[in-house]
Each structure stands twice: as structure tokens, then as C-alpha cells.
Amino acid sequence: MYYIWKLKKTGKPDYFDCGIEQFEGWETVPWMFAEKITFKLPEILNYYTDSKVLPGDYPRVGSTEFLISKKIYEIFNRLNIDGIDYYKSRIIAPNKIFDDYYTANILNIVDCFDEGNSIFRYITPGESTMRTFKKISIHEEKIPDNIKLFRIKRLARYVIVNEEIKDTFETEHVTGVNFLPIGFEQESWLTLNMR
């Protein structure tokens, strides 16, 4: 079974949010398109926040970056998750610096979207058109056995994980992540912008 990786909302009025420090070319970095980053990034990627709430293992960021804690990084390494480039990162809060983060660039992309069995609609907020989903279906037989975490071709903003990753995260109490089962109709509409 496969799951959509989604930011877990706490429902509290105070939540953690941070944004990456802009550097030359930052807006062109292909974080969510399963492409190698070919130009030199800063040695450490800085994220800034005004929040006094502690960041979780998967904190909310203001753009397309995929920021994860050292805990998630170590789980990925232990589970032999291939196809990810990691960039050392830190979160700079008003009174503390959190040095144990990585920005992950997921390189695995699988052409497995099952459009015929998915439920979606198009919406146009402003100038852009987005697809929202009640149900995302995939062709599981098209996923190579060695791929445990990937993006879906044509829906690259979505990150998909297998059951081993989901179960490990739940057992080890990883914070900030929610997993939605693939192929089941959701209560509310999901948009391509999962943040």
C-alpha cells in the first residue's frame, strides 16, 4: 500500500512556519520536479522564522522546499531510501538556531498516475489553474520494487511513500507528517499545493 505524504496540521492557533533565505537563483531551484540541482547552493541553507513554537520533524515552509529533520534523514538512511539529495540546513528562530535539518531533493519520479480511477476537478484561483483531488489512484504495478519514496509524474508536488516508511514514522513518533492512503476517497479536496 502507498500513501501521500502531507503536512500535519495541528489545529492550534500557534504553529511553526519558516521561509528559506533568498540567494542568487533560489527561485529557479527545481525542488519539486525530481531534477538534479546543477548549480552551487549555499553551504548551509538558512530558514528563518519569527515563531516561538518548536519546529517539528517536517516543518511548514513558505515555498516548495522539502525540509526534514535529522531524525527523518537518519530513518531514510537506515531504510536505504535511494534517490534523494540532501542539503544541510538550519532554522534560525528569534532565540535559537536549530542546526539539525536537511533540505531534501527527491529525485525518484514514477509514471504511475491512474487518471481514470482518480476523482478530481479544476479550479482557477486568480490567474493559475490547479487540479484538486478527492481521490488519487496509481498503478502500483508500475512502481519499481526498489522505490520506496517518489514523486508522481504529472503530479510532482505529491510525495508518495510505501507502508514501511509510514509504519516506521508512526512507530518512531515523527512529528509534522500525516499520511493519506492512496486510492481512497478523502473527506475534503486536496490541492496540488500540499503545503
N, C-alpha and C. Protein backbone atom coordinates (compact mmCIF):
# COMPACT_ATOMS: atom_id res chain seq x y z
N MET A 1 0.84 -1.19 0.00
CA MET A 1 0.00 0.00 0.00
C MET A 1 0.89 1.24 0.00
N TYR A 2 0.38 2.31 -0.62
CA TYR A 2 1.13 3.56 -0.72
C TYR A 2 0.32 4.71 -0.13
N TYR A 3 1.05 5.75 0.27
CA TYR A 3 0.45 6.88 0.98
C TYR A 3 0.99 8.20 0.46
N ILE A 4 0.15 9.22 0.51
CA ILE A 4 0.56 10.59 0.20
C ILE A 4 1.14 11.19 1.47
N TRP A 5 2.33 11.74 1.35
CA TRP A 5 3.00 12.45 2.46
C TRP A 5 2.39 13.85 2.52
N LYS A 6 1.88 14.23 3.65
CA LYS A 6 1.23 15.53 3.77
C LYS A 6 1.63 16.20 5.09
N LEU A 7 1.73 17.49 5.07
CA LEU A 7 1.99 18.25 6.29
C LEU A 7 0.83 18.04 7.26
N LYS A 8 1.16 17.71 8.50
CA LYS A 8 0.12 17.50 9.51
C LYS A 8 -0.22 18.84 10.15
N LYS A 9 -1.47 19.18 10.07
CA LYS A 9 -1.93 20.43 10.69
C LYS A 9 -2.29 20.15 12.14
N THR A 10 -1.86 21.04 13.00
CA THR A 10 -2.08 20.82 14.43
C THR A 10 -3.44 21.28 14.90
N GLY A 11 -4.05 22.22 14.19
CA GLY A 11 -5.32 22.76 14.63
C GLY A 11 -5.18 23.82 15.69
N LYS A 12 -3.96 24.09 16.12
CA LYS A 12 -3.71 25.11 17.13
C LYS A 12 -3.56 26.47 16.45
N PRO A 13 -3.90 27.54 17.16
CA PRO A 13 -3.72 28.86 16.56
C PRO A 13 -2.24 29.20 16.34
N ASP A 14 -1.36 28.68 17.19
CA ASP A 14 0.08 28.90 17.01
C ASP A 14 0.67 27.69 16.31
N TYR A 15 1.34 27.93 15.22
CA TYR A 15 2.00 26.83 14.52
C TYR A 15 3.35 27.34 14.03
N PHE A 16 4.19 26.39 13.68
CA PHE A 16 5.51 26.76 13.22
C PHE A 16 5.50 26.96 11.71
N ASP A 17 6.18 28.01 11.25
CA ASP A 17 6.29 28.32 9.84
C ASP A 17 7.64 28.99 9.62
N CYS A 18 8.34 28.63 8.54
CA CYS A 18 9.62 29.27 8.25
C CYS A 18 9.78 29.44 6.74
N GLY A 19 10.69 30.30 6.37
CA GLY A 19 10.94 30.55 4.95
C GLY A 19 12.43 30.54 4.66
N ILE A 20 12.78 30.07 3.49
CA ILE A 20 14.19 29.96 3.12
C ILE A 20 14.78 31.33 2.83
N GLU A 21 16.03 31.51 3.21
CA GLU A 21 16.75 32.74 2.91
C GLU A 21 17.01 32.78 1.40
N GLN A 22 16.66 33.88 0.79
CA GLN A 22 16.86 34.00 -0.65
C GLN A 22 18.33 34.15 -0.97
N PHE A 23 18.75 33.46 -2.01
CA PHE A 23 20.11 33.55 -2.52
C PHE A 23 20.02 33.63 -4.04
N GLU A 24 21.12 33.95 -4.68
CA GLU A 24 21.09 34.11 -6.13
C GLU A 24 20.61 32.82 -6.80
N GLY A 25 19.52 32.92 -7.53
CA GLY A 25 18.95 31.77 -8.24
C GLY A 25 18.00 30.91 -7.43
N TRP A 26 17.67 31.33 -6.20
CA TRP A 26 16.85 30.48 -5.33
C TRP A 26 15.49 30.16 -5.93
N GLU A 27 14.92 31.09 -6.69
CA GLU A 27 13.57 30.87 -7.23
C GLU A 27 13.55 29.87 -8.39
N THR A 28 14.72 29.52 -8.91
CA THR A 28 14.77 28.58 -10.03
C THR A 28 15.19 27.17 -9.61
N VAL A 29 15.43 26.95 -8.32
CA VAL A 29 15.84 25.62 -7.87
C VAL A 29 14.65 24.66 -8.03
N PRO A 30 14.84 23.56 -8.74
CA PRO A 30 13.72 22.64 -9.03
C PRO A 30 13.44 21.65 -7.90
N TRP A 31 13.09 22.16 -6.71
CA TRP A 31 12.91 21.29 -5.55
C TRP A 31 11.85 20.22 -5.77
N MET A 32 10.82 20.49 -6.51
CA MET A 32 9.72 19.53 -6.57
C MET A 32 9.54 18.88 -7.93
N PHE A 33 10.58 18.92 -8.76
CA PHE A 33 10.42 18.38 -10.10
C PHE A 33 11.31 17.17 -10.37
N ALA A 34 11.86 16.57 -9.32
CA ALA A 34 12.67 15.37 -9.45
C ALA A 34 13.84 15.58 -10.42
N GLU A 35 14.48 16.73 -10.31
CA GLU A 35 15.63 17.05 -11.15
C GLU A 35 16.85 17.30 -10.27
N LYS A 36 18.01 16.89 -10.77
CA LYS A 36 19.27 17.20 -10.08
C LYS A 36 19.45 18.71 -10.04
N ILE A 37 19.99 19.21 -8.96
CA ILE A 37 20.33 20.63 -8.85
C ILE A 37 21.76 20.77 -9.35
N THR A 38 21.92 21.54 -10.41
CA THR A 38 23.21 21.59 -11.10
C THR A 38 24.04 22.81 -10.76
N PHE A 39 23.49 23.79 -10.07
CA PHE A 39 24.31 24.95 -9.72
C PHE A 39 24.60 24.94 -8.22
N LYS A 40 25.60 25.65 -7.85
CA LYS A 40 26.09 25.63 -6.47
C LYS A 40 25.12 26.35 -5.53
N LEU A 41 24.72 25.62 -4.51
CA LEU A 41 23.87 26.19 -3.46
C LEU A 41 24.75 26.67 -2.33
N PRO A 42 24.22 27.51 -1.44
CA PRO A 42 24.99 27.87 -0.24
C PRO A 42 25.38 26.62 0.54
N GLU A 43 26.46 26.69 1.28
CA GLU A 43 26.94 25.55 2.06
C GLU A 43 25.89 25.07 3.05
N ILE A 44 25.20 26.01 3.67
CA ILE A 44 24.07 25.71 4.56
C ILE A 44 22.89 26.55 4.11
N LEU A 45 21.74 25.91 3.94
CA LEU A 45 20.52 26.64 3.59
C LEU A 45 19.88 27.13 4.88
N ASN A 46 19.66 28.42 4.96
CA ASN A 46 19.07 29.03 6.15
C ASN A 46 17.58 29.25 5.97
N TYR A 47 16.83 28.87 6.98
CA TYR A 47 15.39 29.13 7.04
C TYR A 47 15.17 30.03 8.25
N TYR A 48 14.34 31.05 8.07
CA TYR A 48 14.08 31.99 9.16
C TYR A 48 12.64 31.90 9.62
N THR A 49 12.46 32.13 10.91
CA THR A 49 11.12 32.13 11.48
C THR A 49 11.03 33.16 12.59
N ASP A 50 9.83 33.69 12.78
CA ASP A 50 9.53 34.53 13.93
C ASP A 50 8.83 33.73 15.02
N SER A 51 8.53 32.47 14.72
CA SER A 51 7.77 31.62 15.62
C SER A 51 8.57 31.25 16.86
N LYS A 52 7.87 31.16 17.97
CA LYS A 52 8.49 30.69 19.20
C LYS A 52 8.10 29.23 19.47
N VAL A 53 7.31 28.66 18.54
CA VAL A 53 6.92 27.25 18.63
C VAL A 53 8.08 26.41 18.11
N LEU A 54 8.33 25.29 18.75
CA LEU A 54 9.42 24.41 18.30
C LEU A 54 9.08 23.79 16.95
N PRO A 55 10.06 23.74 16.04
CA PRO A 55 9.79 23.09 14.75
C PRO A 55 9.68 21.58 14.92
N GLY A 56 8.83 20.97 14.12
CA GLY A 56 8.71 19.51 14.15
C GLY A 56 9.73 18.87 13.23
N ASP A 57 9.56 17.59 13.01
CA ASP A 57 10.46 16.86 12.12
C ASP A 57 10.21 17.24 10.65
N TYR A 58 9.01 17.68 10.35
CA TYR A 58 8.67 18.13 8.99
C TYR A 58 7.96 19.48 9.12
N PRO A 59 8.74 20.55 9.25
CA PRO A 59 8.12 21.86 9.49
C PRO A 59 7.54 22.47 8.22
N ARG A 60 6.56 23.33 8.42
CA ARG A 60 5.96 24.07 7.31
C ARG A 60 6.97 25.09 6.80
N VAL A 61 7.14 25.10 5.47
CA VAL A 61 7.99 26.11 4.84
C VAL A 61 7.15 26.93 3.89
N GLY A 62 7.65 28.11 3.54
CA GLY A 62 6.86 29.04 2.75
C GLY A 62 6.90 28.82 1.26
N SER A 63 7.61 27.80 0.79
CA SER A 63 7.73 27.62 -0.65
C SER A 63 7.74 26.13 -0.98
N THR A 64 8.52 25.74 -1.97
CA THR A 64 8.48 24.37 -2.47
C THR A 64 9.55 23.47 -1.88
N GLU A 65 10.35 23.97 -0.95
CA GLU A 65 11.41 23.14 -0.38
C GLU A 65 10.81 22.02 0.47
N PHE A 66 11.58 20.97 0.62
CA PHE A 66 11.17 19.80 1.39
C PHE A 66 12.13 19.69 2.57
N LEU A 67 11.82 20.37 3.67
CA LEU A 67 12.68 20.48 4.83
C LEU A 67 12.36 19.35 5.81
N ILE A 68 13.40 18.60 6.20
CA ILE A 68 13.21 17.47 7.11
C ILE A 68 14.24 17.54 8.24
N SER A 69 13.91 16.91 9.34
CA SER A 69 14.81 16.87 10.49
C SER A 69 15.88 15.80 10.31
N LYS A 70 16.88 15.86 11.16
CA LYS A 70 17.92 14.83 11.18
C LYS A 70 17.30 13.46 11.49
N LYS A 71 16.25 13.44 12.29
CA LYS A 71 15.58 12.19 12.62
C LYS A 71 15.04 11.51 11.36
N ILE A 72 14.37 12.29 10.48
CA ILE A 72 13.87 11.73 9.23
C ILE A 72 15.03 11.31 8.33
N TYR A 73 16.04 12.15 8.26
CA TYR A 73 17.24 11.84 7.47
C TYR A 73 17.83 10.50 7.90
N GLU A 74 17.94 10.28 9.19
CA GLU A 74 18.52 9.03 9.70
C GLU A 74 17.60 7.83 9.41
N ILE A 75 16.29 8.03 9.49
CA ILE A 75 15.36 6.96 9.15
C ILE A 75 15.52 6.59 7.67
N PHE A 76 15.58 7.58 6.81
CA PHE A 76 15.76 7.31 5.38
C PHE A 76 17.05 6.53 5.13
N ASN A 77 18.11 6.90 5.78
CA ASN A 77 19.37 6.18 5.61
C ASN A 77 19.27 4.74 6.12
N ARG A 78 18.65 4.57 7.26
CA ARG A 78 18.50 3.23 7.85
C ARG A 78 17.64 2.33 6.96
N LEU A 79 16.61 2.92 6.32
CA LEU A 79 15.72 2.14 5.45
C LEU A 79 16.25 2.04 4.02
N ASN A 80 17.46 2.57 3.79
CA ASN A 80 18.07 2.54 2.46
C ASN A 80 17.19 3.18 1.39
N ILE A 81 16.68 4.37 1.70
CA ILE A 81 15.88 5.12 0.74
C ILE A 81 16.82 5.81 -0.24
N ASP A 82 16.79 5.38 -1.48
CA ASP A 82 17.65 5.95 -2.51
C ASP A 82 16.91 7.06 -3.25
N GLY A 83 17.69 7.81 -4.05
CA GLY A 83 17.08 8.82 -4.92
C GLY A 83 16.77 10.13 -4.22
N ILE A 84 17.56 10.49 -3.21
CA ILE A 84 17.38 11.77 -2.53
C ILE A 84 18.74 12.43 -2.38
N ASP A 85 18.83 13.69 -2.77
CA ASP A 85 20.00 14.51 -2.46
C ASP A 85 19.66 15.36 -1.25
N TYR A 86 20.62 15.47 -0.31
CA TYR A 86 20.40 16.22 0.92
C TYR A 86 21.30 17.44 0.97
N TYR A 87 20.75 18.54 1.49
CA TYR A 87 21.49 19.79 1.65
C TYR A 87 21.35 20.25 3.09
N LYS A 88 22.49 20.37 3.75
CA LYS A 88 22.50 20.78 5.16
C LYS A 88 21.73 22.08 5.31
N SER A 89 20.88 22.13 6.32
CA SER A 89 20.01 23.29 6.53
C SER A 89 19.90 23.59 8.02
N ARG A 90 19.47 24.80 8.30
CA ARG A 90 19.22 25.17 9.71
C ARG A 90 18.06 26.14 9.75
N ILE A 91 17.41 26.13 10.90
CA ILE A 91 16.31 27.05 11.15
C ILE A 91 16.79 28.07 12.16
N ILE A 92 16.64 29.33 11.80
CA ILE A 92 17.08 30.42 12.68
C ILE A 92 15.84 31.08 13.26
N ALA A 93 15.62 30.85 14.54
CA ALA A 93 14.48 31.40 15.26
C ALA A 93 14.96 32.60 16.06
N PRO A 94 14.05 33.39 16.64
CA PRO A 94 14.46 34.59 17.39
C PRO A 94 15.49 34.33 18.49
N ASN A 95 15.37 33.23 19.21
CA ASN A 95 16.28 32.99 20.34
C ASN A 95 17.06 31.68 20.26
N LYS A 96 17.00 31.01 19.09
CA LYS A 96 17.67 29.70 19.00
C LYS A 96 17.93 29.36 17.54
N ILE A 97 18.99 28.60 17.31
CA ILE A 97 19.28 28.07 15.98
C ILE A 97 19.15 26.55 16.04
N PHE A 98 18.39 25.99 15.12
CA PHE A 98 18.22 24.54 15.03
C PHE A 98 19.06 24.06 13.84
N ASP A 99 20.20 23.44 14.15
CA ASP A 99 21.16 23.06 13.11
C ASP A 99 20.91 21.69 12.49
N ASP A 100 20.01 20.94 13.01
CA ASP A 100 19.87 19.54 12.61
C ASP A 100 18.75 19.31 11.59
N TYR A 101 18.80 20.03 10.47
CA TYR A 101 17.81 19.89 9.40
C TYR A 101 18.50 19.70 8.06
N TYR A 102 17.75 19.15 7.13
CA TYR A 102 18.21 18.96 5.76
C TYR A 102 17.10 19.36 4.80
N THR A 103 17.49 19.96 3.69
CA THR A 103 16.55 20.15 2.60
C THR A 103 16.76 18.98 1.66
N ALA A 104 15.69 18.25 1.40
CA ALA A 104 15.78 17.03 0.58
C ALA A 104 15.29 17.33 -0.83
N ASN A 105 16.05 16.88 -1.80
CA ASN A 105 15.63 16.96 -3.19
C ASN A 105 15.35 15.53 -3.64
N ILE A 106 14.07 15.22 -3.80
CA ILE A 106 13.64 13.86 -4.15
C ILE A 106 13.76 13.69 -5.66
N LEU A 107 14.57 12.72 -6.07
CA LEU A 107 14.87 12.53 -7.48
C LEU A 107 14.05 11.41 -8.13
N ASN A 108 13.44 10.56 -7.32
CA ASN A 108 12.64 9.47 -7.88
C ASN A 108 11.31 10.02 -8.40
N ILE A 109 11.01 9.71 -9.64
CA ILE A 109 9.71 10.08 -10.21
C ILE A 109 9.19 8.87 -10.97
N VAL A 110 7.91 8.53 -10.74
CA VAL A 110 7.34 7.32 -11.34
C VAL A 110 6.09 7.72 -12.12
N ASP A 111 6.00 7.22 -13.33
CA ASP A 111 4.85 7.48 -14.20
C ASP A 111 3.79 6.43 -13.89
N CYS A 112 2.98 6.69 -12.84
CA CYS A 112 2.02 5.67 -12.38
C CYS A 112 0.64 6.26 -12.08
N PHE A 113 0.40 7.52 -12.44
CA PHE A 113 -0.89 8.16 -12.15
C PHE A 113 -2.01 7.44 -12.90
N ASP A 114 -3.04 7.04 -12.19
CA ASP A 114 -4.22 6.39 -12.77
C ASP A 114 -5.34 7.42 -12.86
N GLU A 115 -5.33 8.16 -13.94
CA GLU A 115 -6.29 9.26 -14.10
C GLU A 115 -7.73 8.75 -14.14
N GLY A 116 -7.96 7.60 -14.77
CA GLY A 116 -9.31 7.08 -14.93
C GLY A 116 -9.99 6.71 -13.62
N ASN A 117 -9.23 6.33 -12.62
CA ASN A 117 -9.80 5.94 -11.33
C ASN A 117 -9.62 7.01 -10.25
N SER A 118 -9.13 8.18 -10.64
CA SER A 118 -8.99 9.30 -9.70
C SER A 118 -10.21 10.20 -9.80
N ILE A 119 -10.47 10.93 -8.73
CA ILE A 119 -11.58 11.90 -8.71
C ILE A 119 -10.96 13.27 -8.53
N PHE A 120 -11.12 14.15 -9.52
CA PHE A 120 -10.51 15.47 -9.45
C PHE A 120 -11.36 16.49 -10.19
N ARG A 121 -11.04 17.75 -9.94
CA ARG A 121 -11.69 18.87 -10.63
C ARG A 121 -10.64 19.97 -10.79
N TYR A 122 -10.93 20.89 -11.67
CA TYR A 122 -10.04 22.02 -11.88
C TYR A 122 -10.63 23.26 -11.23
N ILE A 123 -9.77 24.04 -10.57
CA ILE A 123 -10.20 25.32 -10.02
C ILE A 123 -9.23 26.39 -10.53
N THR A 124 -9.72 27.61 -10.60
CA THR A 124 -8.89 28.71 -11.08
C THR A 124 -8.88 29.83 -10.05
N PRO A 125 -7.96 29.74 -9.06
CA PRO A 125 -7.83 30.84 -8.10
C PRO A 125 -6.88 31.89 -8.66
N GLY A 126 -7.41 32.99 -9.10
CA GLY A 126 -6.55 34.02 -9.69
C GLY A 126 -6.21 33.69 -11.12
N GLU A 127 -4.93 33.76 -11.46
CA GLU A 127 -4.51 33.57 -12.85
C GLU A 127 -4.12 32.14 -13.19
N SER A 128 -3.95 31.29 -12.20
CA SER A 128 -3.50 29.92 -12.48
C SER A 128 -4.62 28.92 -12.27
N THR A 129 -4.54 27.82 -13.01
CA THR A 129 -5.50 26.73 -12.85
C THR A 129 -4.83 25.60 -12.10
N MET A 130 -5.53 25.05 -11.10
CA MET A 130 -4.99 23.96 -10.30
C MET A 130 -5.97 22.80 -10.32
N ARG A 131 -5.43 21.60 -10.12
CA ARG A 131 -6.26 20.41 -10.03
C ARG A 131 -6.40 20.05 -8.55
N THR A 132 -7.62 19.81 -8.10
CA THR A 132 -7.84 19.36 -6.73
C THR A 132 -8.43 17.95 -6.78
N PHE A 133 -8.13 17.17 -5.76
CA PHE A 133 -8.49 15.76 -5.76
C PHE A 133 -9.35 15.37 -4.58
N LYS A 134 -10.28 14.48 -4.82
CA LYS A 134 -10.99 13.75 -3.76
C LYS A 134 -10.35 12.37 -3.62
N LYS A 135 -9.78 11.88 -4.73
CA LYS A 135 -9.17 10.56 -4.72
C LYS A 135 -8.05 10.54 -5.75
N ILE A 136 -6.87 10.08 -5.33
CA ILE A 136 -5.76 9.87 -6.24
C ILE A 136 -5.52 8.36 -6.33
N SER A 137 -5.54 7.85 -7.54
CA SER A 137 -5.25 6.44 -7.76
C SER A 137 -3.96 6.31 -8.55
N ILE A 138 -3.23 5.24 -8.30
CA ILE A 138 -2.00 4.97 -9.03
C ILE A 138 -2.00 3.52 -9.51
N HIS A 139 -1.18 3.26 -10.51
CA HIS A 139 -0.93 1.90 -10.98
C HIS A 139 0.26 1.36 -10.19
N GLU A 140 0.00 0.61 -9.13
CA GLU A 140 1.08 0.13 -8.27
C GLU A 140 2.04 -0.78 -9.01
N GLU A 141 1.55 -1.48 -10.01
CA GLU A 141 2.42 -2.40 -10.75
C GLU A 141 3.51 -1.67 -11.54
N LYS A 142 3.37 -0.36 -11.73
CA LYS A 142 4.37 0.43 -12.45
C LYS A 142 5.48 0.96 -11.53
N ILE A 143 5.34 0.72 -10.23
CA ILE A 143 6.34 1.22 -9.27
C ILE A 143 7.43 0.16 -9.11
N PRO A 144 8.67 0.49 -9.43
CA PRO A 144 9.76 -0.49 -9.24
C PRO A 144 9.87 -0.91 -7.78
N ASP A 145 10.23 -2.17 -7.56
CA ASP A 145 10.31 -2.74 -6.21
C ASP A 145 11.27 -1.98 -5.30
N ASN A 146 12.33 -1.41 -5.88
CA ASN A 146 13.34 -0.75 -5.05
C ASN A 146 13.00 0.71 -4.73
N ILE A 147 11.88 1.22 -5.24
CA ILE A 147 11.48 2.61 -4.99
C ILE A 147 10.50 2.64 -3.82
N LYS A 148 10.91 3.30 -2.73
CA LYS A 148 10.07 3.37 -1.52
C LYS A 148 9.47 4.76 -1.31
N LEU A 149 10.07 5.76 -1.97
CA LEU A 149 9.62 7.15 -1.83
C LEU A 149 9.82 7.81 -3.18
N PHE A 150 8.78 8.49 -3.69
CA PHE A 150 8.88 9.06 -5.03
C PHE A 150 7.85 10.16 -5.23
N ARG A 151 8.01 10.86 -6.32
CA ARG A 151 7.00 11.80 -6.80
C ARG A 151 6.29 11.17 -7.99
N ILE A 152 5.04 11.57 -8.21
CA ILE A 152 4.26 11.04 -9.32
C ILE A 152 4.47 11.93 -10.54
N LYS A 153 4.81 11.32 -11.66
CA LYS A 153 4.93 12.09 -12.90
C LYS A 153 3.58 12.72 -13.21
N ARG A 154 3.59 13.98 -13.59
CA ARG A 154 2.41 14.81 -13.89
C ARG A 154 1.74 15.35 -12.61
N LEU A 155 2.14 14.86 -11.45
CA LEU A 155 1.64 15.37 -10.16
C LEU A 155 2.83 15.49 -9.21
N ALA A 156 3.89 16.14 -9.68
CA ALA A 156 5.18 16.07 -8.99
C ALA A 156 5.19 16.72 -7.60
N ARG A 157 4.19 17.53 -7.27
CA ARG A 157 4.18 18.11 -5.93
C ARG A 157 3.85 17.07 -4.86
N TYR A 158 3.24 15.97 -5.28
CA TYR A 158 2.90 14.93 -4.31
C TYR A 158 4.09 14.02 -4.08
N VAL A 159 4.34 13.71 -2.81
CA VAL A 159 5.37 12.75 -2.44
C VAL A 159 4.64 11.51 -1.94
N ILE A 160 5.03 10.36 -2.47
CA ILE A 160 4.38 9.10 -2.14
C ILE A 160 5.37 8.20 -1.41
N VAL A 161 4.91 7.50 -0.38
CA VAL A 161 5.77 6.59 0.37
C VAL A 161 5.10 5.21 0.46
N ASN A 162 5.93 4.21 0.70
CA ASN A 162 5.36 2.88 0.90
C ASN A 162 5.00 2.68 2.38
N GLU A 163 4.45 1.52 2.66
CA GLU A 163 3.96 1.25 4.01
C GLU A 163 5.09 1.16 5.04
N GLU A 164 6.25 0.69 4.61
CA GLU A 164 7.39 0.59 5.53
C GLU A 164 7.77 1.96 6.10
N ILE A 165 7.82 2.97 5.24
CA ILE A 165 8.15 4.32 5.71
C ILE A 165 7.06 4.83 6.65
N LYS A 166 5.81 4.70 6.24
CA LYS A 166 4.70 5.17 7.08
C LYS A 166 4.74 4.50 8.46
N ASP A 167 4.88 3.18 8.48
CA ASP A 167 4.89 2.46 9.75
C ASP A 167 6.07 2.86 10.62
N THR A 168 7.24 3.05 10.02
CA THR A 168 8.42 3.46 10.78
C THR A 168 8.23 4.84 11.38
N PHE A 169 7.68 5.77 10.60
CA PHE A 169 7.43 7.12 11.12
C PHE A 169 6.47 7.08 12.30
N GLU A 170 5.43 6.26 12.20
CA GLU A 170 4.45 6.18 13.28
C GLU A 170 5.07 5.53 14.52
N THR A 171 5.85 4.47 14.33
CA THR A 171 6.50 3.79 15.45
C THR A 171 7.48 4.71 16.17
N GLU A 172 8.20 5.53 15.39
CA GLU A 172 9.24 6.39 15.97
C GLU A 172 8.73 7.81 16.26
N HIS A 173 7.43 8.02 16.15
CA HIS A 173 6.78 9.27 16.53
C HIS A 173 7.37 10.49 15.81
N VAL A 174 7.51 10.36 14.50
CA VAL A 174 7.94 11.50 13.69
C VAL A 174 6.82 12.53 13.69
N THR A 175 7.18 13.80 13.90
CA THR A 175 6.17 14.85 14.01
C THR A 175 6.05 15.65 12.71
N GLY A 176 4.86 16.19 12.49
CA GLY A 176 4.63 17.09 11.37
C GLY A 176 4.17 16.43 10.09
N VAL A 177 4.09 15.09 10.08
CA VAL A 177 3.73 14.37 8.86
C VAL A 177 2.42 13.62 9.07
N ASN A 178 1.59 13.66 8.05
CA ASN A 178 0.35 12.91 8.02
C ASN A 178 0.37 12.09 6.74
N PHE A 179 -0.12 10.86 6.77
CA PHE A 179 -0.13 10.01 5.59
C PHE A 179 -1.57 9.72 5.18
N LEU A 180 -1.90 10.03 3.93
CA LEU A 180 -3.23 9.75 3.40
C LEU A 180 -3.14 8.55 2.47
N PRO A 181 -3.97 7.54 2.66
CA PRO A 181 -3.87 6.35 1.82
C PRO A 181 -4.24 6.65 0.37
N ILE A 182 -3.44 6.13 -0.53
CA ILE A 182 -3.70 6.27 -1.97
C ILE A 182 -4.88 5.38 -2.35
N GLY A 183 -5.72 5.88 -3.25
CA GLY A 183 -6.82 5.07 -3.77
C GLY A 183 -8.10 5.13 -2.97
N PHE A 184 -8.11 5.93 -1.90
CA PHE A 184 -9.32 6.06 -1.09
C PHE A 184 -9.84 7.48 -1.21
N GLU A 185 -11.16 7.62 -1.25
CA GLU A 185 -11.75 8.96 -1.36
C GLU A 185 -11.58 9.70 -0.03
N GLN A 186 -11.06 10.92 -0.12
CA GLN A 186 -10.81 11.75 1.06
C GLN A 186 -12.08 12.54 1.41
N GLU A 187 -12.15 12.99 2.65
CA GLU A 187 -13.30 13.79 3.08
C GLU A 187 -13.30 15.16 2.45
N SER A 188 -12.10 15.74 2.28
CA SER A 188 -12.02 17.07 1.68
C SER A 188 -11.13 17.01 0.45
N TRP A 189 -11.19 18.07 -0.36
CA TRP A 189 -10.40 18.13 -1.59
C TRP A 189 -8.95 18.44 -1.27
N LEU A 190 -8.04 17.77 -1.95
CA LEU A 190 -6.61 18.01 -1.85
C LEU A 190 -6.17 18.82 -3.06
N THR A 191 -5.34 19.80 -2.83
CA THR A 191 -4.83 20.57 -3.96
C THR A 191 -3.40 20.16 -4.24
N LEU A 192 -2.92 20.49 -5.43
CA LEU A 192 -1.54 20.17 -5.78
C LEU A 192 -0.56 20.82 -4.84
N ASN A 193 -0.92 21.98 -4.32
CA ASN A 193 -0.03 22.63 -3.35
C ASN A 193 -0.31 22.02 -1.98
N MET A 194 0.47 21.02 -1.61
CA MET A 194 0.21 20.27 -0.39
C MET A 194 0.57 21.06 0.86
N ARG A 195 1.22 22.18 0.74
CA ARG A 195 1.54 22.99 1.90
C ARG A 195 0.46 24.01 2.08
